[in-house]
Protein backbone atom coordinates (compact mmCIF):
# COMPACT_ATOMS: atom_id res chain seq x y z
CA UNK A 1 -3.58 -8.27 -3.50
CA UNK A 2 -3.23 -9.03 0.22
CA UNK A 3 -0.05 -8.08 2.02
CA UNK A 4 0.94 -11.74 2.45
CA UNK A 5 0.52 -12.73 -1.18
CA UNK A 6 2.01 -9.43 -2.30
CA UNK A 7 5.09 -10.09 -0.16
CA UNK A 8 5.45 -13.62 -1.54
CA UNK A 9 5.06 -12.41 -5.13
CA UNK A 10 7.58 -9.57 -4.87
CA UNK A 11 10.01 -11.83 -3.01
CA UNK A 12 9.89 -14.26 -5.95
CA UNK A 13 10.38 -11.39 -8.40
CA UNK A 14 13.31 -10.02 -6.39
CA UNK A 15 15.10 -13.34 -5.92
CA UNK A 16 14.33 -14.41 -9.48
CA UNK A 17 15.94 -11.29 -10.96
CA UNK A 18 18.99 -11.19 -8.70
CA UNK A 19 19.71 -14.93 -8.70
CA UNK A 20 19.37 -15.07 -12.49
CA UNK A 21 21.79 -12.18 -12.91
CA UNK A 22 24.26 -13.70 -10.43
CA UNK A 23 24.23 -17.13 -12.03
CA UNK A 24 24.36 -15.64 -15.52
CA UNK A 25 27.68 -14.08 -14.50
CA UNK A 26 29.12 -17.51 -13.73
CA UNK A 27 27.54 -18.94 -16.89
CA UNK A 28 28.71 -16.38 -19.44
CA UNK A 29 32.29 -16.21 -18.11
CA UNK A 30 32.49 -20.03 -17.96
CA UNK A 31 31.41 -20.19 -21.60
CA UNK A 32 33.97 -17.52 -22.55
CA UNK A 33 36.68 -19.55 -20.80
CA UNK A 34 35.75 -22.69 -22.74
CA UNK A 35 34.13 -24.59 -19.86
CA UNK A 36 31.26 -26.92 -20.75
CA UNK A 37 28.15 -25.89 -18.79
CA UNK A 38 25.86 -28.81 -18.00
CA UNK A 39 23.00 -27.02 -16.24
CA UNK A 40 21.79 -23.50 -15.48
CA UNK A 41 19.13 -23.65 -12.75
CA UNK A 42 17.13 -20.91 -11.04
CA UNK A 43 15.91 -22.48 -7.83
CA UNK A 44 16.41 -25.89 -6.28
CA UNK A 45 14.41 -29.10 -6.27
CA UNK A 46 12.26 -30.57 -9.05
CA UNK A 47 12.18 -28.61 -12.30
CA UNK A 48 8.98 -26.77 -13.16
CA UNK A 49 10.28 -25.91 -16.62
CA UNK A 50 13.37 -26.84 -18.60
CA UNK A 51 14.85 -26.85 -22.07
CA UNK A 52 18.20 -27.57 -23.77
CA UNK A 53 20.24 -25.32 -26.03
CA UNK A 54 22.42 -26.39 -28.98
CA UNK A 55 25.41 -26.87 -26.67
CA UNK A 56 23.50 -29.44 -24.60
CA UNK A 57 23.13 -27.13 -21.59
CA UNK A 58 19.96 -27.66 -19.59
CA UNK A 59 18.15 -24.48 -18.52
CA UNK A 60 15.68 -25.01 -15.68
CA UNK A 61 13.37 -23.18 -13.31
CA UNK A 62 12.98 -25.24 -10.12
CA UNK A 63 10.32 -25.32 -7.43
CA UNK A 64 12.25 -23.73 -4.54
CA UNK A 65 13.21 -20.16 -5.56
CA UNK A 66 15.77 -19.58 -2.81
CA UNK A 67 18.92 -19.78 -4.89
CA UNK A 68 20.34 -21.20 -8.06
CA UNK A 69 23.43 -22.80 -9.54
CA UNK A 70 25.48 -23.34 -12.66
CA UNK A 71 26.74 -26.91 -12.96
CA UNK A 72 29.92 -27.23 -15.00
CA UNK A 73 31.76 -30.26 -16.30
CA UNK A 74 34.28 -31.27 -13.64
CA UNK A 75 36.31 -34.45 -13.35
CA UNK A 76 36.11 -34.23 -9.54
CA UNK A 77 32.36 -34.74 -9.63
CA UNK A 78 31.75 -38.39 -8.61
CA UNK A 79 28.67 -38.53 -10.87
CA UNK A 80 30.42 -37.05 -13.89
CA UNK A 81 31.41 -39.12 -16.89
CA UNK A 82 33.97 -37.11 -18.82
CA UNK A 83 34.70 -38.33 -22.32
CA UNK A 84 38.30 -37.91 -23.56
CA UNK A 85 37.22 -35.35 -26.15
CA UNK A 86 35.51 -33.27 -23.42
CA UNK A 87 38.44 -33.07 -21.00
CA UNK A 88 39.51 -29.68 -22.34
CA UNK A 89 36.12 -28.29 -21.34
CA UNK A 90 36.33 -29.46 -17.71
CA UNK A 91 36.39 -26.72 -15.08
CA UNK A 92 39.20 -28.37 -13.10
CA UNK A 93 41.43 -28.36 -16.19
CA UNK A 94 41.28 -24.61 -16.63
CA UNK A 95 44.00 -22.20 -15.50
CA UNK A 96 43.89 -20.67 -12.05
CA UNK A 97 43.11 -17.28 -13.57
CA UNK A 98 40.14 -18.70 -15.48
CA UNK A 99 38.75 -20.42 -12.38
CA UNK A 100 39.08 -17.20 -10.37
CA UNK A 101 37.31 -15.23 -13.11
CA UNK A 102 34.43 -17.72 -13.34
CA UNK A 103 33.95 -17.79 -9.56
CA UNK A 104 34.16 -14.03 -9.12
CA UNK A 105 31.79 -13.36 -12.02
CA UNK A 106 28.63 -13.99 -9.98
CA UNK A 107 29.30 -11.31 -7.32
CA UNK A 108 30.71 -9.03 -10.03
CA UNK A 109 27.45 -9.23 -11.98
CA UNK A 110 25.54 -8.40 -8.78
CA UNK A 111 27.67 -5.25 -8.49
CA UNK A 112 26.93 -4.40 -12.13
CA UNK A 113 23.22 -4.90 -11.45
CA UNK A 114 23.46 -2.59 -8.41
CA UNK A 115 24.99 0.24 -10.42
CA UNK A 116 22.54 -0.26 -13.30
CA UNK A 117 19.50 -0.29 -10.98
CA UNK A 118 20.65 2.86 -9.19
CA UNK A 119 21.35 4.59 -12.50
CA UNK A 120 17.86 3.79 -13.77
CA UNK A 121 16.37 4.90 -10.44
CA UNK A 122 18.11 8.29 -10.69
CA UNK A 123 17.03 8.73 -14.33
CA UNK A 124 13.38 7.86 -13.57
CA UNK A 125 13.39 9.98 -10.44
CA UNK A 126 12.72 8.70 -6.94
CA UNK A 127 9.88 10.51 -5.12
CA UNK A 128 10.63 11.47 -1.54
CA UNK A 129 9.95 13.99 1.22
CA UNK A 130 11.63 17.33 1.75
CA UNK A 131 14.12 17.14 4.67
CA UNK A 132 11.87 19.30 6.85
CA UNK A 133 11.28 18.14 10.43
CA UNK A 134 7.69 17.62 11.48
CA UNK A 135 8.17 16.21 14.97
CA UNK A 136 11.14 15.90 17.31
CA UNK A 137 11.88 13.51 20.16
CA UNK A 138 14.73 11.48 21.64
CA UNK A 139 18.30 12.56 20.92
CA UNK A 140 17.17 15.22 18.43
CA UNK A 141 14.98 16.92 21.03
CA UNK A 142 17.87 16.94 23.52
CA UNK A 143 20.05 18.63 20.89
CA UNK A 144 17.51 21.41 20.40
CA UNK A 145 16.07 20.52 16.99
CA UNK A 146 12.53 21.75 16.40
CA UNK A 147 9.59 21.19 14.10
CA UNK A 148 9.97 23.27 10.94
CA UNK A 149 13.78 23.00 10.84
CA UNK A 150 15.13 22.00 7.43
CA UNK A 151 18.20 19.73 7.39
CA UNK A 152 20.75 21.28 5.02
CA UNK A 153 23.82 19.15 5.71
CA UNK A 154 24.88 16.15 7.78
CA UNK A 155 28.60 16.26 8.60
CA UNK A 156 29.10 18.70 5.76
CA UNK A 157 27.31 16.58 3.12
CA UNK A 158 24.40 18.22 1.33
CA UNK A 159 20.97 16.72 2.06
CA UNK A 160 18.42 16.72 -0.76
CA UNK A 161 15.61 14.60 0.72
CA UNK A 162 14.47 12.85 3.87
CA UNK A 163 15.79 9.41 2.88
CA UNK A 164 19.26 10.86 2.41
CA UNK A 165 19.12 12.46 5.86
CA UNK A 166 17.75 9.33 7.53
CA UNK A 167 20.33 7.04 5.92
CA UNK A 168 23.24 9.20 7.01
CA UNK A 169 21.94 9.60 10.55
CA UNK A 170 21.27 5.89 10.99
CA UNK A 171 24.71 5.03 9.55
CA UNK A 172 26.31 7.38 12.07
CA UNK A 173 24.19 5.88 14.83
CA UNK A 174 25.29 2.36 13.87
CA UNK A 175 28.91 3.52 14.01
CA UNK A 176 28.27 5.36 17.34
CA UNK A 177 29.60 8.60 15.90
CA UNK A 178 28.36 12.08 16.79
CA UNK A 179 27.09 14.04 13.77
CA UNK A 180 26.87 17.73 13.03
CA UNK A 181 23.76 19.07 11.32
CA UNK A 182 23.30 22.41 9.59
CA UNK A 183 19.68 23.51 9.93
CA UNK A 184 17.66 26.22 8.24
CA UNK A 185 15.02 27.68 10.55
CA UNK A 186 11.57 28.74 9.33
CA UNK A 187 12.77 32.40 9.60
CA UNK A 188 15.58 31.51 7.10
CA UNK A 189 18.35 31.78 9.70
CA UNK A 190 20.85 28.92 9.97
CA UNK A 191 22.34 27.14 12.94
CA UNK A 192 24.53 24.12 13.62
CA UNK A 193 23.80 21.40 16.16
CA UNK A 194 25.47 18.13 17.15
CA UNK A 195 23.60 14.89 17.77
CA UNK A 196 25.31 12.76 20.44
CA UNK A 197 24.82 9.43 18.67
CA UNK A 198 27.97 8.03 20.29
CA UNK A 199 25.94 7.61 23.48
CA UNK A 200 23.36 5.28 21.94
CA UNK A 201 23.34 1.71 23.33
CA UNK A 202 25.28 -0.85 21.30
CA UNK A 203 22.50 -3.44 21.12
CA UNK A 204 20.08 -1.43 18.95
CA UNK A 205 19.04 -2.40 15.44
CA UNK A 206 18.56 0.13 12.64
CA UNK A 207 14.89 0.82 13.34
CA UNK A 208 15.53 1.26 17.06
CA UNK A 209 18.34 3.71 16.30
CA UNK A 210 16.05 5.71 14.03
CA UNK A 211 13.43 5.79 16.79
CA UNK A 212 16.00 6.89 19.37
CA UNK A 213 17.18 9.73 17.10
CA UNK A 214 13.57 10.91 17.19
CA UNK A 215 13.03 12.70 13.88
CA UNK A 216 9.84 12.48 11.82
CA UNK A 217 9.44 14.31 8.49
CA UNK A 218 6.88 17.04 8.21
CA UNK A 219 4.74 15.00 5.81
CA UNK A 220 4.60 12.04 8.22
CA UNK A 221 3.84 13.95 11.42
CA UNK A 222 0.44 13.03 12.92
CA UNK A 223 -1.13 16.00 14.73
CA UNK A 224 -2.50 15.04 18.18
CA UNK A 225 -6.04 15.84 17.07
CA UNK A 226 -8.82 13.45 18.08
CA UNK A 227 -10.40 11.96 15.00
CA UNK A 228 -12.71 9.48 16.69
CA UNK A 229 -14.01 8.74 20.18
CA UNK A 230 -15.24 5.22 20.96
CA UNK A 231 -18.71 5.12 22.56
CA UNK A 232 -18.73 4.34 26.30
CA UNK A 233 -14.95 4.66 26.43
CA UNK A 234 -12.84 6.43 29.05
CA UNK A 235 -12.40 9.34 26.64
CA UNK A 236 -16.14 9.60 25.99
CA UNK A 237 -16.91 9.63 29.73
CA UNK A 238 -14.29 12.35 30.23
CA UNK A 239 -16.01 14.53 27.59
CA UNK A 240 -13.39 14.31 24.83
CA UNK A 241 -14.76 15.21 21.39
CA UNK A 242 -13.74 14.78 17.80
CA UNK A 243 -11.55 17.72 16.80
CA UNK A 244 -10.04 18.25 20.27
CA UNK A 245 -6.29 18.80 20.17
CA UNK A 246 -4.34 17.12 22.96
CA UNK A 247 -1.85 19.50 24.56
CA UNK A 248 -0.64 17.28 27.42
CA UNK A 249 -1.39 14.05 29.28
CA UNK A 250 -0.59 13.88 33.01
CA UNK A 251 1.58 16.97 32.58
CA UNK A 252 3.58 15.46 29.70
CA UNK A 253 3.46 17.66 26.55
CA UNK A 254 2.02 15.99 23.44
CA UNK A 255 3.31 17.18 20.07
CA UNK A 256 2.54 14.17 17.88
CA UNK A 257 -0.07 11.41 18.03
CA UNK A 258 2.66 8.79 18.49
CA UNK A 259 3.28 10.23 21.96
CA UNK A 260 -0.28 9.61 23.17
CA UNK A 261 0.01 5.86 23.73
CA UNK A 262 3.45 6.22 25.31
CA UNK A 263 2.22 8.87 27.75
CA UNK A 264 -0.90 6.89 28.69
CA UNK A 265 1.18 3.73 29.24
CA UNK A 266 3.70 5.64 31.36
CA UNK A 267 1.16 7.27 33.68
CA UNK A 268 -1.92 5.03 33.74
CA UNK A 269 -2.78 2.85 36.74
CA UNK A 270 -5.88 1.15 38.12
CA UNK A 271 -8.53 3.73 39.14
CA UNK A 272 -6.13 6.60 38.42
CA UNK A 273 -7.47 9.58 36.46
CA UNK A 274 -5.13 11.36 34.08
CA UNK A 275 -5.35 15.09 33.45
CA UNK A 276 -5.85 15.73 29.73
CA UNK A 277 -5.26 19.30 28.63
CA UNK A 278 -7.03 19.85 25.31
CA UNK A 279 -7.61 22.78 23.04
CA UNK A 280 -11.16 23.04 21.71
CA UNK A 281 -11.48 25.95 19.33
CA UNK A 282 -10.39 29.01 21.29
CA UNK A 283 -10.80 27.24 24.65
CA UNK A 284 -8.23 25.29 26.68
CA UNK A 285 -9.86 22.64 28.86
CA UNK A 286 -8.58 20.19 31.46
CA UNK A 287 -10.46 16.87 31.44
CA UNK A 288 -10.04 13.91 33.77
CA UNK A 289 -9.95 10.48 32.10
CA UNK A 290 -9.32 7.09 33.69
CA UNK A 291 -7.82 4.70 31.10
CA UNK A 292 -9.18 1.17 31.15
CA UNK A 293 -7.18 -2.07 31.00
CA UNK A 294 -6.96 -3.43 27.48
CA UNK A 295 -8.53 -6.93 27.28
CA UNK A 296 -6.08 -7.71 24.48
CA UNK A 297 -3.02 -6.68 26.52
CA UNK A 298 -0.19 -9.13 26.05
CA UNK A 299 -0.85 -9.75 22.37
CA UNK A 300 1.42 -8.35 19.67
CA UNK A 301 1.24 -4.54 19.46
CA UNK A 302 -1.57 -4.18 22.02
CA UNK A 303 -1.14 -1.35 24.57
CA UNK A 304 -1.91 -2.19 28.22
CA UNK A 305 -4.31 0.76 28.70
CA UNK A 306 -6.99 2.32 26.50
CA UNK A 307 -8.47 5.81 26.32
CA UNK A 308 -10.70 4.93 23.39
CA UNK A 309 -9.59 7.59 20.90
CA UNK A 310 -8.09 7.57 17.42
CA UNK A 311 -6.26 10.22 15.32
CA UNK A 312 -7.50 12.08 12.31
CA UNK A 313 -6.34 10.27 9.15
CA UNK A 314 -3.40 11.80 7.28
CA UNK A 315 -2.48 11.43 3.63
CA UNK A 316 1.21 12.26 3.23
CA UNK A 317 2.22 13.25 -0.30
CA UNK A 318 5.72 13.27 -1.74
CA UNK A 319 7.02 16.80 -2.20
CA UNK A 320 10.53 16.10 -3.53
CA UNK A 321 12.04 14.09 -6.38
CA UNK A 322 15.62 12.83 -6.63
CA UNK A 323 16.41 12.87 -10.37
CA UNK A 324 19.48 13.24 -12.62
CA UNK A 325 19.98 13.31 -16.36
CA UNK A 326 21.37 10.05 -17.85
CA UNK A 327 24.99 11.27 -17.88
CA UNK A 328 24.95 12.80 -14.40
CA UNK A 329 23.27 9.65 -13.05
CA UNK A 330 26.35 7.52 -13.86
CA UNK A 331 28.78 9.02 -11.30
CA UNK A 332 25.96 9.34 -8.77
CA UNK A 333 25.11 5.64 -9.14
CA UNK A 334 28.79 4.68 -8.76
CA UNK A 335 29.19 6.95 -5.72
CA UNK A 336 26.04 5.57 -4.10
CA UNK A 337 27.20 1.99 -4.72
CA UNK A 338 30.54 2.76 -3.09
CA UNK A 339 28.90 4.50 -0.12
CA UNK A 340 26.50 1.59 0.46
CA UNK A 341 29.37 -0.90 0.12
CA UNK A 342 31.41 1.01 2.69
CA UNK A 343 28.49 1.15 5.11
CA UNK A 344 27.67 -2.55 4.69
CA UNK A 345 31.26 -3.66 5.23
CA UNK A 346 31.52 -1.35 8.22
CA UNK A 347 28.37 -2.85 9.69
CA UNK A 348 29.67 -6.40 9.17
CA UNK A 349 32.93 -5.46 10.84
CA UNK A 350 31.14 -3.96 13.83
CA UNK A 351 28.92 -7.02 14.21
CA UNK A 352 31.94 -9.32 14.12
CA UNK A 353 33.74 -7.26 16.78
CA UNK A 354 30.62 -6.89 18.93
CA UNK A 355 30.30 -3.12 18.38
CA UNK A 356 26.93 -3.56 16.66
CA UNK A 357 24.03 -5.82 17.48
CA UNK A 358 23.41 -9.03 15.54
CA UNK A 359 19.76 -7.91 15.54
CA UNK A 360 20.64 -5.97 12.40
CA UNK A 361 20.70 -9.21 10.40
CA UNK A 362 17.49 -9.61 8.42
CA UNK A 363 16.14 -12.75 6.79
CA UNK A 364 13.73 -13.82 4.13
CA UNK A 365 10.62 -12.52 5.94
CA UNK A 366 11.93 -8.97 6.18
CA UNK A 367 13.15 -9.08 2.57
CA UNK A 368 9.68 -10.16 1.42
CA UNK A 369 7.93 -7.42 3.40
CA UNK A 370 10.29 -4.67 2.24
CA UNK A 371 10.06 -5.92 -1.36
CA UNK A 372 6.29 -5.60 -1.23
CA UNK A 373 6.39 -2.19 0.47
CA UNK A 374 8.96 -0.88 -2.03
CA UNK A 375 6.94 -2.13 -5.00
CA UNK A 376 3.87 -0.30 -3.71
CA UNK A 377 5.85 2.95 -3.62
CA UNK A 378 6.65 2.77 -7.32
CA UNK A 379 9.32 1.60 -9.76
CA UNK A 380 12.07 3.94 -8.53
CA UNK A 381 11.74 2.77 -4.92
CA UNK A 382 11.68 -0.87 -6.03
CA UNK A 383 14.85 -0.32 -8.09
CA UNK A 384 16.51 1.18 -5.02
CA UNK A 385 15.51 -1.90 -3.02
CA UNK A 386 16.79 -4.26 -5.73
CA UNK A 387 20.11 -2.41 -5.80
CA UNK A 388 20.53 -2.75 -2.03
CA UNK A 389 19.70 -6.48 -2.02
CA UNK A 390 21.91 -7.12 -5.06
CA UNK A 391 24.83 -5.41 -3.32
CA UNK A 392 24.17 -7.42 -0.17
CA UNK A 393 24.21 -10.65 -2.21
CA UNK A 394 27.53 -9.65 -3.78
CA UNK A 395 29.11 -8.94 -0.40
CA UNK A 396 27.62 -12.06 1.19
CA UNK A 397 28.93 -14.28 -1.60
CA UNK A 398 32.40 -12.79 -1.28
CA UNK A 399 32.71 -13.67 2.42
CA UNK A 400 35.55 -16.21 2.88
CA UNK A 401 33.15 -18.99 3.87
CA UNK A 402 33.57 -22.36 2.16
CA UNK A 403 30.48 -23.21 0.04
CA UNK A 404 30.21 -19.54 -1.02
CA UNK A 405 32.06 -17.93 -3.91
CA UNK A 406 34.33 -16.18 -1.41
CA UNK A 407 35.37 -19.52 0.06
CA UNK A 408 36.35 -20.85 -3.38
CA UNK A 409 38.28 -17.66 -4.08
CA UNK A 410 40.11 -18.14 -0.77
CA UNK A 411 41.16 -21.62 -1.88
CA UNK A 412 42.41 -20.22 -5.19
CA UNK A 413 44.43 -17.53 -3.41
CA UNK A 414 46.01 -20.24 -1.25
CA UNK A 415 46.74 -22.22 -4.41
CA UNK A 416 48.33 -19.13 -5.93
CA UNK A 417 50.52 -18.66 -2.86
CA UNK A 418 51.63 -22.29 -2.38
CA UNK A 419 51.79 -23.29 -6.03
CA UNK A 420 49.44 -26.27 -5.74
CA UNK A 421 45.71 -26.77 -5.15
CA UNK A 422 44.24 -27.15 -1.68
CA UNK A 423 43.79 -30.85 -0.94
CA UNK A 424 40.42 -32.42 -1.63
CA UNK A 425 40.17 -33.49 2.00
CA UNK A 426 40.55 -29.88 3.20
CA UNK A 427 37.99 -28.69 0.64
CA UNK A 428 35.41 -31.27 1.77
CA UNK A 429 35.99 -30.41 5.44
CA UNK A 430 35.65 -26.74 4.56
CA UNK A 431 32.34 -27.36 2.82
CA UNK A 432 30.92 -28.93 5.98
CA UNK A 433 32.16 -26.01 8.10
CA UNK A 434 30.82 -23.53 5.56
CA UNK A 435 27.44 -25.23 5.48
CA UNK A 436 27.17 -25.07 9.27
CA UNK A 437 28.14 -21.37 9.29
CA UNK A 438 25.69 -20.54 6.50
CA UNK A 439 22.82 -22.40 8.18
CA UNK A 440 23.62 -20.67 11.48
CA UNK A 441 23.69 -17.28 9.76
CA UNK A 442 20.37 -17.91 8.02
CA UNK A 443 18.86 -19.24 11.24
CA UNK A 444 19.90 -16.13 13.15
CA UNK A 445 18.46 -13.88 10.45
CA UNK A 446 15.18 -15.80 10.51
CA UNK A 447 15.11 -15.64 14.31
CA UNK A 448 15.53 -11.85 14.14
CA UNK A 449 12.67 -11.64 11.63
CA UNK A 450 10.35 -13.62 13.92
CA UNK A 451 11.45 -11.63 16.97
CA UNK A 452 10.58 -8.35 15.22
CA UNK A 453 7.07 -9.66 14.63
CA UNK A 454 6.39 -10.81 18.17
CA UNK A 455 8.06 -7.96 20.05
């Protein structure tokens, strides 16, 4: 399956599962509170499939899978015809407590799904990498970290795998907080270092922060060994051969293949030869190569200069598994849900106050790509992804924006405080404001997605 169609398919699976669970929360609590449910729809637009149950509720799957809704009997609906014998089942006739419970049930079910998905992920076991450093750059290099170091703790918290280390470091970077790492050296000695993440620029997104930290796991390090030399290229003319290990380019040390392009770009110029120090067997040679302008320069991802070499292929294999027995997985799932909730709310707060970049908002394109990538990594990774998106949906829906569940809950809290419902005029005005805010939020997220692809 191609990456595009795979992304579309796993996006549909993701949204289908999470939207169904969210709307089922509203549906089941509404039924328990005696509200007549007219329609349960997954998606918007024309129905692709529908049926009716014995209560007269229509269940439908619609053509546009970007949401869903539960339509309840409500006298305020201008299209509703409420028979006298059905008045007791109208949503607007229910107590304030019942209306709050029905509205909050959707986000609550997303939280339940999050905990359940994480629990199952821990029971199945999520494959990962050992927290052993393979290559160091950026802030980590400045702090003195080195290849072969094993990350034991981050700010006193035990690290079991690379994902755990990366998540904690990125979270600290987003909060612009320095972190203390305990490292085990290859000789089994231990030392403590501090990463100055408080000095990172404020306008970085999560991926940029990870890149600035500069840590790559041992399994993902790409040795700077030439795997291919293009015929008639600058490298071929300089005498570079397959198997040569690049030690430096223009005096800049090379420890990982990712540094090759950066070094060439930084030092190349028209008709300027770069000194390439390479190790060939037991010999150390200095070759002179003049990179050539890239005809494709200016297109997405194309470097401006070319040497004409490629790395040896690597096949990283997982060497760690995060797994708990079914009982131990329960508190771990709850703790992970709380930690992710705290980090998400903290991020939202920093974006609102300008302490974090709005570039961190991701839209439907990124969700589709990550859904596909997670599915390819296996069930445990996909469950982890579903848990994160489900939690995000819960938090998003609880924002006090009219048109979302959080906006309705805000109205109910005002009603509780003043003793009477918010006027219909205020509710209608709020819906327009909420719609504008939601469209703006979605537009910004989509803009960020597109910008990531063209930058």
